[in-house]
Amino acid sequence: MAKVYLVQMNIVSRDKMQNFGSVQRLLSKTSLEQGSLIVLPEMFGTGFETDKLDGLSESFAASDSGETAVFLQSLADETGCLIQGGGIDSQWSPFRNFVGVYAPYTATPLASFYKLHPFAAEKKNFVGGTSVVLYPFKKLIVSPFICYDLRFPEEFREATSLGAEVFTVAASWPAKRALHWKVLLQARAIENQCYVLGVNRVGKDAEETYDGGSLVIGPSGEIIAEAGTNECVLVVELEVENVLAVRKAFPVLGDIRRAL
């Protein structure tokens, strides 16, 4: 079994310390199992910010570089879990929207992923990443994505071809497009026969309202767990055997015509 904790939180815009405290508060109410995976929403420390980024952007190159990296690494050390979270990476010009995976007592992230598709106003100051990323978790292979990436199935297919069995989607997905969130998460699971973990935020910022609805989808498209509209930690257990069984029973991936 591989246990995962999805942290659905109310993010305060541009206030890292308060948001770090919210993560700690929510996790303190949960009995954490060492060796598990904790997944945080997109830009969990700042909210989805695309302009006036002084003081918000930082380095994630090492676990002791920017303050968000330091927080994520310390959380991994304290809990004995893998922590997936990120923010606005200042190492690039323009910036990149970053998600990293932090393992206990390591000097650099286990994996580093950059949002492939900047969204709307994000395009002004951000550039997209260039590749999918995979990392091991227990007996599973995980590939992280960020919010708007969910609308582009070709990258998910590429990750599957490289061995992905679990997708994570860290998001700031607005309430007005909640239907799309749910349908697209299920679609990515069904077409790739993978688990999909979608972790969204709640609350409001200057532009949008966010209604959470974090989801865990099984490799046949079934909803395993679903959060409401309040802060919570969604806890699920994943099994690599489920992915293997679904793919064996209905071997659709073997019929992909990659030349097309």
C-alpha atoms as a PDB file:
ATOM      1  CA  MET A   1       0.000   0.000   0.000  1.00  0.00           C
ATOM      2  CA  ALA A   2       1.111   3.567  -0.738  1.00  0.00           C
ATOM      3  CA  LYS A   3      -0.630   6.190   1.380  1.00  0.00           C
ATOM      4  CA  VAL A   4      -1.196   9.708   0.035  1.00  0.00           C
ATOM      5  CA  TYR A   5      -2.405  12.895   1.771  1.00  0.00           C
ATOM      6  CA  LEU A   6      -3.910  15.683  -0.375  1.00  0.00           C
ATOM      7  CA  VAL A   7      -3.932  19.017   1.450  1.00  0.00           C
ATOM      8  CA  GLN A   8      -6.924  21.112   0.356  1.00  0.00           C
ATOM      9  CA  MET A   9      -6.303  24.519   1.919  1.00  0.00           C
ATOM     10  CA  ASN A  10      -7.496  28.117   1.940  1.00  0.00           C
ATOM     11  CA  ILE A  11      -4.516  30.054   0.554  1.00  0.00           C
ATOM     12  CA  VAL A  12      -3.960  33.646   1.667  1.00  0.00           C
ATOM     13  CA  SER A  13      -2.648  35.686  -1.244  1.00  0.00           C
ATOM     14  CA  ARG A  14       1.006  36.736  -0.986  1.00  0.00           C
ATOM     15  CA  ASP A  15       1.465  35.548   2.621  1.00  0.00           C
ATOM     16  CA  LYS A  16       3.892  32.642   2.752  1.00  0.00           C
ATOM     17  CA  MET A  17       4.182  32.421   6.519  1.00  0.00           C
ATOM     18  CA  GLN A  18       0.447  32.198   7.058  1.00  0.00           C
ATOM     19  CA  ASN A  19       0.117  29.567   4.333  1.00  0.00           C
ATOM     20  CA  PHE A  20       2.988  27.521   5.762  1.00  0.00           C
ATOM     21  CA  GLY A  21       1.150  27.642   9.073  1.00  0.00           C
ATOM     22  CA  SER A  22      -2.053  26.417   7.429  1.00  0.00           C
ATOM     23  CA  VAL A  23      -0.264  23.385   6.007  1.00  0.00           C
ATOM     24  CA  GLN A  24       1.144  22.538   9.425  1.00  0.00           C
ATOM     25  CA  ARG A  25      -2.238  23.095  11.102  1.00  0.00           C
ATOM     26  CA  LEU A  26      -4.085  20.804   8.705  1.00  0.00           C
ATOM     27  CA  LEU A  27      -1.463  18.068   8.863  1.00  0.00           C
ATOM     28  CA  SER A  28      -1.325  18.239  12.664  1.00  0.00           C
ATOM     29  CA  LYS A  29      -4.943  17.037  12.721  1.00  0.00           C
ATOM     30  CA  THR A  30      -4.046  13.997  10.624  1.00  0.00           C
ATOM     31  CA  SER A  31      -2.268  10.843  11.709  1.00  0.00           C
ATOM     32  CA  LEU A  32       0.608  10.714   9.230  1.00  0.00           C
ATOM     33  CA  GLU A  33       2.270   7.469   8.239  1.00  0.00           C
ATOM     34  CA  GLN A  34       6.005   7.745   7.568  1.00  0.00           C
ATOM     35  CA  GLY A  35       7.030   7.006   3.999  1.00  0.00           C
ATOM     36  CA  SER A  36       3.795   8.442   2.593  1.00  0.00           C
ATOM     37  CA  LEU A  37       3.319  11.217   0.015  1.00  0.00           C
ATOM     38  CA  ILE A  38       1.876  14.644   0.902  1.00  0.00           C
ATOM     39  CA  VAL A  39       0.654  16.764  -2.036  1.00  0.00           C
ATOM     40  CA  LEU A  40      -0.001  20.520  -1.836  1.00  0.00           C
ATOM     41  CA  PRO A  41      -1.951  22.778  -4.249  1.00  0.00           C
ATOM     42  CA  GLU A  42      -0.419  24.983  -6.929  1.00  0.00           C
ATOM     43  CA  MET A  43       1.580  27.952  -5.542  1.00  0.00           C
ATOM     44  CA  PHE A  44       0.418  26.959  -2.049  1.00  0.00           C
ATOM     45  CA  GLY A  45       2.638  29.561  -0.384  1.00  0.00           C
ATOM     46  CA  THR A  46       1.550  32.641  -2.329  1.00  0.00           C
ATOM     47  CA  GLY A  47      -1.681  31.883  -4.120  1.00  0.00           C
ATOM     48  CA  PHE A  48      -1.860  32.010  -7.912  1.00  0.00           C
ATOM     49  CA  GLU A  49       0.076  35.213  -8.549  1.00  0.00           C
ATOM     50  CA  THR A  50       1.246  36.308 -11.995  1.00  0.00           C
ATOM     51  CA  ASP A  51       2.427  39.912 -11.510  1.00  0.00           C
ATOM     52  CA  LYS A  52       4.385  42.052  -9.017  1.00  0.00           C
ATOM     53  CA  LEU A  53       6.383  39.021  -8.019  1.00  0.00           C
ATOM     54  CA  ASP A  54       9.144  40.701  -5.987  1.00  0.00           C
ATOM     55  CA  GLY A  55       9.319  38.877  -2.668  1.00  0.00           C
ATOM     56  CA  LEU A  56       7.224  35.997  -3.981  1.00  0.00           C
ATOM     57  CA  SER A  57       9.671  34.361  -6.387  1.00  0.00           C
ATOM     58  CA  GLU A  58      12.604  32.380  -5.028  1.00  0.00           C
ATOM     59  CA  SER A  59      15.120  29.659  -5.777  1.00  0.00           C
ATOM     60  CA  PHE A  60      14.196  25.997  -5.475  1.00  0.00           C
ATOM     61  CA  ALA A  61      17.570  24.678  -6.672  1.00  0.00           C
ATOM     62  CA  ALA A  62      18.474  23.275  -3.268  1.00  0.00           C
ATOM     63  CA  SER A  63      16.516  22.294  -0.197  1.00  0.00           C
ATOM     64  CA  ASP A  64      18.072  25.207   1.732  1.00  0.00           C
ATOM     65  CA  SER A  65      17.691  27.884  -0.959  1.00  0.00           C
ATOM     66  CA  GLY A  66      14.389  29.806  -0.941  1.00  0.00           C
ATOM     67  CA  GLU A  67      12.114  29.964   2.090  1.00  0.00           C
ATOM     68  CA  THR A  68       9.485  27.730   0.511  1.00  0.00           C
ATOM     69  CA  ALA A  69      12.108  25.096  -0.289  1.00  0.00           C
ATOM     70  CA  VAL A  70      13.337  25.308   3.300  1.00  0.00           C
ATOM     71  CA  PHE A  71       9.785  24.840   4.584  1.00  0.00           C
ATOM     72  CA  LEU A  72       9.108  21.877   2.306  1.00  0.00           C
ATOM     73  CA  GLN A  73      12.357  20.184   3.256  1.00  0.00           C
ATOM     74  CA  SER A  74      11.772  20.736   6.967  1.00  0.00           C
ATOM     75  CA  LEU A  75       8.267  19.282   6.580  1.00  0.00           C
ATOM     76  CA  ALA A  76       9.729  16.207   4.882  1.00  0.00           C
ATOM     77  CA  ASP A  77      12.275  15.830   7.694  1.00  0.00           C
ATOM     78  CA  GLU A  78       9.649  16.220  10.422  1.00  0.00           C
ATOM     79  CA  THR A  79       7.071  13.857   8.928  1.00  0.00           C
ATOM     80  CA  GLY A  80       9.316  11.278   7.294  1.00  0.00           C
ATOM     81  CA  CYS A  81       7.208  11.682   4.132  1.00  0.00           C
ATOM     82  CA  LEU A  82       7.732  12.802   0.570  1.00  0.00           C
ATOM     83  CA  ILE A  83       6.392  16.345   0.162  1.00  0.00           C
ATOM     84  CA  GLN A  84       5.234  17.658  -3.211  1.00  0.00           C
ATOM     85  CA  GLY A  85       4.872  21.427  -3.384  1.00  0.00           C
ATOM     86  CA  GLY A  86       6.322  24.476  -5.057  1.00  0.00           C
ATOM     87  CA  GLY A  87       5.915  28.061  -6.133  1.00  0.00           C
ATOM     88  CA  ILE A  88       7.396  30.749  -8.371  1.00  0.00           C
ATOM     89  CA  ASP A  89      10.916  29.776  -9.437  1.00  0.00           C
ATOM     90  CA  SER A  90      13.242  32.772  -9.849  1.00  0.00           C
ATOM     91  CA  GLN A  91      16.074  30.844 -11.500  1.00  0.00           C
ATOM     92  CA  TRP A  92      14.498  31.386 -14.893  1.00  0.00           C
ATOM     93  CA  SER A  93      13.791  34.494 -16.933  1.00  0.00           C
ATOM     94  CA  PRO A  94      10.846  34.624 -17.381  1.00  0.00           C
ATOM     95  CA  PHE A  95       9.829  32.812 -14.219  1.00  0.00           C
ATOM     96  CA  ARG A  96       8.557  29.238 -14.118  1.00  0.00           C
ATOM     97  CA  ASN A  97       5.730  27.708 -12.083  1.00  0.00           C
ATOM     98  CA  PHE A  98       7.487  24.962 -10.120  1.00  0.00           C
ATOM     99  CA  VAL A  99       6.582  21.777  -8.294  1.00  0.00           C
ATOM    100  CA  GLY A 100       9.259  19.818  -6.470  1.00  0.00           C
ATOM    101  CA  VAL A 101       9.326  16.594  -4.499  1.00  0.00           C
ATOM    102  CA  TYR A 102      11.238  16.713  -1.213  1.00  0.00           C
ATOM    103  CA  ALA A 103      12.438  13.574   0.541  1.00  0.00           C
ATOM    104  CA  PRO A 104      13.572  13.479   4.187  1.00  0.00           C
ATOM    105  CA  TYR A 105      17.128  14.690   4.787  1.00  0.00           C
ATOM    106  CA  THR A 106      18.145  15.422   1.205  1.00  0.00           C
ATOM    107  CA  ALA A 107      20.070  18.370  -0.221  1.00  0.00           C
ATOM    108  CA  THR A 108      18.119  18.780  -3.456  1.00  0.00           C
ATOM    109  CA  PRO A 109      14.582  17.927  -4.608  1.00  0.00           C
ATOM    110  CA  LEU A 110      13.976  14.318  -5.614  1.00  0.00           C
ATOM    111  CA  ALA A 111      12.175  15.638  -8.706  1.00  0.00           C
ATOM    112  CA  SER A 112      11.622  19.072 -10.269  1.00  0.00           C
ATOM    113  CA  PHE A 113       8.741  19.827 -12.623  1.00  0.00           C
ATOM    114  CA  TYR A 114       7.816  23.071 -14.374  1.00  0.00           C
ATOM    115  CA  LYS A 115       4.262  23.781 -15.487  1.00  0.00           C
ATOM    116  CA  LEU A 116       4.153  23.079 -19.202  1.00  0.00           C
ATOM    117  CA  HIS A 117       1.349  25.492 -20.098  1.00  0.00           C
ATOM    118  CA  PRO A 118       1.259  28.954 -18.465  1.00  0.00           C
ATOM    119  CA  PHE A 119      -2.334  30.111 -18.208  1.00  0.00           C
ATOM    120  CA  ALA A 120      -3.737  33.455 -19.456  1.00  0.00           C
ATOM    121  CA  ALA A 121      -2.049  36.335 -17.537  1.00  0.00           C
ATOM    122  CA  GLU A 122       0.626  33.902 -16.379  1.00  0.00           C
ATOM    123  CA  LYS A 123       2.113  34.092 -19.891  1.00  0.00           C
ATOM    124  CA  LYS A 124       3.272  37.675 -19.269  1.00  0.00           C
ATOM    125  CA  ASN A 125       5.949  36.756 -16.716  1.00  0.00           C
ATOM    126  CA  PHE A 126       6.247  32.955 -16.957  1.00  0.00           C
ATOM    127  CA  VAL A 127       7.601  30.501 -19.473  1.00  0.00           C
ATOM    128  CA  GLY A 128       6.491  26.878 -19.710  1.00  0.00           C
ATOM    129  CA  GLY A 129       8.572  23.850 -18.885  1.00  0.00           C
ATOM    130  CA  THR A 130       9.795  21.542 -21.612  1.00  0.00           C
ATOM    131  CA  SER A 131       9.317  17.972 -20.409  1.00  0.00           C
ATOM    132  CA  VAL A 132       7.331  15.618 -18.229  1.00  0.00           C
ATOM    133  CA  VAL A 133       8.964  14.287 -15.064  1.00  0.00           C
ATOM    134  CA  LEU A 134       8.660  10.978 -13.216  1.00  0.00           C
ATOM    135  CA  TYR A 135       9.670   9.931  -9.714  1.00  0.00           C
ATOM    136  CA  PRO A 136       9.354   6.723  -7.676  1.00  0.00           C
ATOM    137  CA  PHE A 137       7.003   6.392  -4.725  1.00  0.00           C
ATOM    138  CA  LYS A 138       6.904   2.995  -3.062  1.00  0.00           C
ATOM    139  CA  LYS A 139       6.238   0.586  -5.966  1.00  0.00           C
ATOM    140  CA  LEU A 140       4.561   3.267  -8.072  1.00  0.00           C
ATOM    141  CA  ILE A 141       5.872   5.764 -10.639  1.00  0.00           C
ATOM    142  CA  VAL A 142       4.418   9.270 -10.283  1.00  0.00           C
ATOM    143  CA  SER A 143       4.291  12.089 -12.805  1.00  0.00           C
ATOM    144  CA  PRO A 144       3.335  15.585 -11.526  1.00  0.00           C
ATOM    145  CA  PHE A 145       1.408  18.209 -13.471  1.00  0.00           C
ATOM    146  CA  ILE A 146       0.099  21.679 -12.619  1.00  0.00           C
ATOM    147  CA  CYS A 147      -3.452  22.985 -13.121  1.00  0.00           C
ATOM    148  CA  TYR A 148      -3.882  24.127 -16.767  1.00  0.00           C
ATOM    149  CA  ASP A 149      -1.689  21.225 -17.924  1.00  0.00           C
ATOM    150  CA  LEU A 150      -4.742  19.043 -17.267  1.00  0.00           C
ATOM    151  CA  ARG A 151      -6.318  20.256 -20.520  1.00  0.00           C
ATOM    152  CA  PHE A 152      -3.508  18.841 -22.678  1.00  0.00           C
ATOM    153  CA  PRO A 153      -3.744  15.033 -22.826  1.00  0.00           C
ATOM    154  CA  GLU A 154      -0.678  14.511 -25.012  1.00  0.00           C
ATOM    155  CA  GLU A 155       1.740  15.189 -22.131  1.00  0.00           C
ATOM    156  CA  PHE A 156      -0.085  12.717 -19.901  1.00  0.00           C
ATOM    157  CA  ARG A 157       0.184  10.118 -22.658  1.00  0.00           C
ATOM    158  CA  GLU A 158       3.902  10.820 -22.930  1.00  0.00           C
ATOM    159  CA  ALA A 159       4.313  10.300 -19.184  1.00  0.00           C
ATOM    160  CA  THR A 160       2.404   7.011 -19.448  1.00  0.00           C
ATOM    161  CA  SER A 161       4.695   5.845 -22.252  1.00  0.00           C
ATOM    162  CA  LEU A 162       7.647   6.504 -19.930  1.00  0.00           C
ATOM    163  CA  GLY A 163       6.129   4.401 -17.161  1.00  0.00           C
ATOM    164  CA  ALA A 164       3.792   6.653 -15.149  1.00  0.00           C
ATOM    165  CA  GLU A 165       1.164   4.888 -13.022  1.00  0.00           C
ATOM    166  CA  VAL A 166       0.039   7.904 -10.984  1.00  0.00           C
ATOM    167  CA  PHE A 167      -0.563  11.514 -12.032  1.00  0.00           C
ATOM    168  CA  THR A 168      -0.733  14.371  -9.557  1.00  0.00           C
ATOM    169  CA  VAL A 169      -2.388  17.644 -10.576  1.00  0.00           C
ATOM    170  CA  ALA A 170      -1.672  20.520  -8.193  1.00  0.00           C
ATOM    171  CA  ALA A 171      -4.188  23.248  -8.958  1.00  0.00           C
ATOM    172  CA  SER A 172      -5.771  26.614  -8.334  1.00  0.00           C
ATOM    173  CA  TRP A 173      -8.862  25.641 -10.320  1.00  0.00           C
ATOM    174  CA  PRO A 174     -11.707  28.186 -10.153  1.00  0.00           C
ATOM    175  CA  ALA A 175     -15.223  27.251  -9.084  1.00  0.00           C
ATOM    176  CA  LYS A 176     -16.741  28.463 -12.357  1.00  0.00           C
ATOM    177  CA  ARG A 177     -14.987  25.612 -14.195  1.00  0.00           C
ATOM    178  CA  ALA A 178     -15.528  22.904 -11.575  1.00  0.00           C
ATOM    179  CA  LEU A 179     -17.289  20.610 -14.058  1.00  0.00           C
ATOM    180  CA  HIS A 180     -14.238  20.627 -16.329  1.00  0.00           C
ATOM    181  CA  TRP A 181     -11.972  19.803 -13.373  1.00  0.00           C
ATOM    182  CA  LYS A 182     -13.832  16.638 -12.513  1.00  0.00           C
ATOM    183  CA  VAL A 183     -14.396  15.417 -16.066  1.00  0.00           C
ATOM    184  CA  LEU A 184     -10.821  16.044 -17.191  1.00  0.00           C
ATOM    185  CA  LEU A 185      -9.316  14.290 -14.161  1.00  0.00           C
ATOM    186  CA  GLN A 186     -11.468  11.248 -14.911  1.00  0.00           C
ATOM    187  CA  ALA A 187     -10.567  11.382 -18.593  1.00  0.00           C
ATOM    188  CA  ARG A 188      -6.821  11.410 -17.884  1.00  0.00           C
ATOM    189  CA  ALA A 189      -7.295   8.374 -15.613  1.00  0.00           C
ATOM    190  CA  ILE A 190      -9.428   6.405 -18.079  1.00  0.00           C
ATOM    191  CA  GLU A 191      -7.327   6.999 -21.184  1.00  0.00           C
ATOM    192  CA  ASN A 192      -4.027   6.202 -19.438  1.00  0.00           C
ATOM    193  CA  GLN A 193      -5.270   3.604 -16.939  1.00  0.00           C
ATOM    194  CA  CYS A 194      -3.532   5.508 -14.145  1.00  0.00           C
ATOM    195  CA  TYR A 195      -4.429   6.853 -10.732  1.00  0.00           C
ATOM    196  CA  VAL A 196      -5.033  10.620 -10.844  1.00  0.00           C
ATOM    197  CA  LEU A 197      -4.688  12.765  -7.718  1.00  0.00           C
ATOM    198  CA  GLY A 198      -6.117  16.252  -8.150  1.00  0.00           C
ATOM    199  CA  VAL A 199      -5.508  18.628  -5.249  1.00  0.00           C
ATOM    200  CA  ASN A 200      -7.229  22.010  -5.426  1.00  0.00           C
ATOM    201  CA  ARG A 201      -7.457  24.992  -3.100  1.00  0.00           C
ATOM    202  CA  VAL A 202     -10.461  26.701  -1.486  1.00  0.00           C
ATOM    203  CA  GLY A 203     -11.185  30.352  -0.708  1.00  0.00           C
ATOM    204  CA  LYS A 204     -10.928  33.518  -2.789  1.00  0.00           C
ATOM    205  CA  ASP A 205      -8.362  35.835  -4.297  1.00  0.00           C
ATOM    206  CA  ALA A 206      -8.744  39.108  -6.196  1.00  0.00           C
ATOM    207  CA  GLU A 207      -9.905  37.315  -9.335  1.00  0.00           C
ATOM    208  CA  GLU A 208     -11.529  33.984  -8.499  1.00  0.00           C
ATOM    209  CA  THR A 209     -13.420  31.808  -6.041  1.00  0.00           C
ATOM    210  CA  TYR A 210     -12.110  28.289  -5.442  1.00  0.00           C
ATOM    211  CA  ASP A 211     -14.377  25.489  -4.260  1.00  0.00           C
ATOM    212  CA  GLY A 212     -11.860  22.703  -3.688  1.00  0.00           C
ATOM    213  CA  GLY A 213     -13.294  19.424  -4.881  1.00  0.00           C
ATOM    214  CA  SER A 214      -9.977  17.604  -4.657  1.00  0.00           C
ATOM    215  CA  LEU A 215     -10.310  14.132  -6.157  1.00  0.00           C
ATOM    216  CA  VAL A 216      -8.629  10.760  -6.302  1.00  0.00           C
ATOM    217  CA  ILE A 217      -9.536   8.802  -9.434  1.00  0.00           C
ATOM    218  CA  GLY A 218      -8.769   5.129  -9.936  1.00  0.00           C
ATOM    219  CA  PRO A 219      -7.246   3.630 -13.106  1.00  0.00           C
ATOM    220  CA  SER A 220     -10.679   2.715 -14.474  1.00  0.00           C
ATOM    221  CA  GLY A 221     -12.006   6.252 -13.945  1.00  0.00           C
ATOM    222  CA  GLU A 222     -13.819   5.507 -10.687  1.00  0.00           C
ATOM    223  CA  ILE A 223     -13.897   8.184  -7.966  1.00  0.00           C
ATOM    224  CA  ILE A 224     -12.089   6.790  -4.935  1.00  0.00           C
ATOM    225  CA  ALA A 225     -12.254   9.905  -2.752  1.00  0.00           C
ATOM    226  CA  GLU A 226     -13.660  13.402  -3.141  1.00  0.00           C
ATOM    227  CA  ALA A 227     -13.344  16.483  -0.950  1.00  0.00           C
ATOM    228  CA  GLY A 228     -16.024  19.101  -0.418  1.00  0.00           C
ATOM    229  CA  THR A 229     -15.615  22.868  -0.399  1.00  0.00           C
ATOM    230  CA  ASN A 230     -13.817  23.266   2.945  1.00  0.00           C
ATOM    231  CA  GLU A 231     -10.234  22.827   4.076  1.00  0.00           C
ATOM    232  CA  CYS A 232      -9.345  19.195   4.649  1.00  0.00           C
ATOM    233  CA  VAL A 233      -6.739  16.504   4.166  1.00  0.00           C
ATOM    234  CA  LEU A 234      -7.918  13.778   1.816  1.00  0.00           C
ATOM    235  CA  VAL A 235      -6.298  10.441   2.705  1.00  0.00           C
ATOM    236  CA  VAL A 236      -6.133   7.526   0.259  1.00  0.00           C
ATOM    237  CA  GLU A 237      -4.207   4.310  -0.268  1.00  0.00           C
ATOM    238  CA  LEU A 238      -2.940   3.360  -3.714  1.00  0.00           C
ATOM    239  CA  GLU A 239      -1.940  -0.076  -4.958  1.00  0.00           C
ATOM    240  CA  VAL A 240       0.255  -0.749  -7.970  1.00  0.00           C
ATOM    241  CA  GLU A 241      -1.603  -4.065  -8.366  1.00  0.00           C
ATOM    242  CA  ASN A 242      -4.770  -2.144  -9.276  1.00  0.00           C
ATOM    243  CA  VAL A 243      -3.042  -0.389 -12.154  1.00  0.00           C
ATOM    244  CA  LEU A 244      -1.510  -3.627 -13.405  1.00  0.00           C
ATOM    245  CA  ALA A 245      -4.829  -5.481 -13.160  1.00  0.00           C
ATOM    246  CA  VAL A 246      -6.755  -2.821 -15.110  1.00  0.00           C
ATOM    247  CA  ARG A 247      -4.125  -2.705 -17.839  1.00  0.00           C
ATOM    248  CA  LYS A 248      -4.053  -6.506 -18.115  1.00  0.00           C
ATOM    249  CA  ALA A 249      -7.830  -6.888 -18.210  1.00  0.00           C
ATOM    250  CA  PHE A 250      -8.283  -4.198 -20.891  1.00  0.00           C
ATOM    251  CA  PRO A 251      -4.916  -3.699 -22.673  1.00  0.00           C
ATOM    252  CA  VAL A 252      -5.849  -0.565 -24.575  1.00  0.00           C
ATOM    253  CA  LEU A 253      -2.409   1.007 -24.132  1.00  0.00           C
ATOM    254  CA  GLY A 254      -0.954  -1.674 -26.373  1.00  0.00           C
ATOM    255  CA  ASP A 255      -3.091  -0.437 -29.258  1.00  0.00           C
ATOM    256  CA  ILE A 256      -1.742   3.114 -29.249  1.00  0.00           C
ATOM    257  CA  ARG A 257      -0.452   4.121 -32.692  1.00  0.00           C
ATOM    258  CA  ARG A 258       2.376   6.409 -31.719  1.00  0.00           C
ATOM    259  CA  ALA A 259       3.149   7.376 -35.297  1.00  0.00           C
ATOM    260  CA  LEU A 260      -0.170   9.225 -35.378  1.00  0.00           C
END
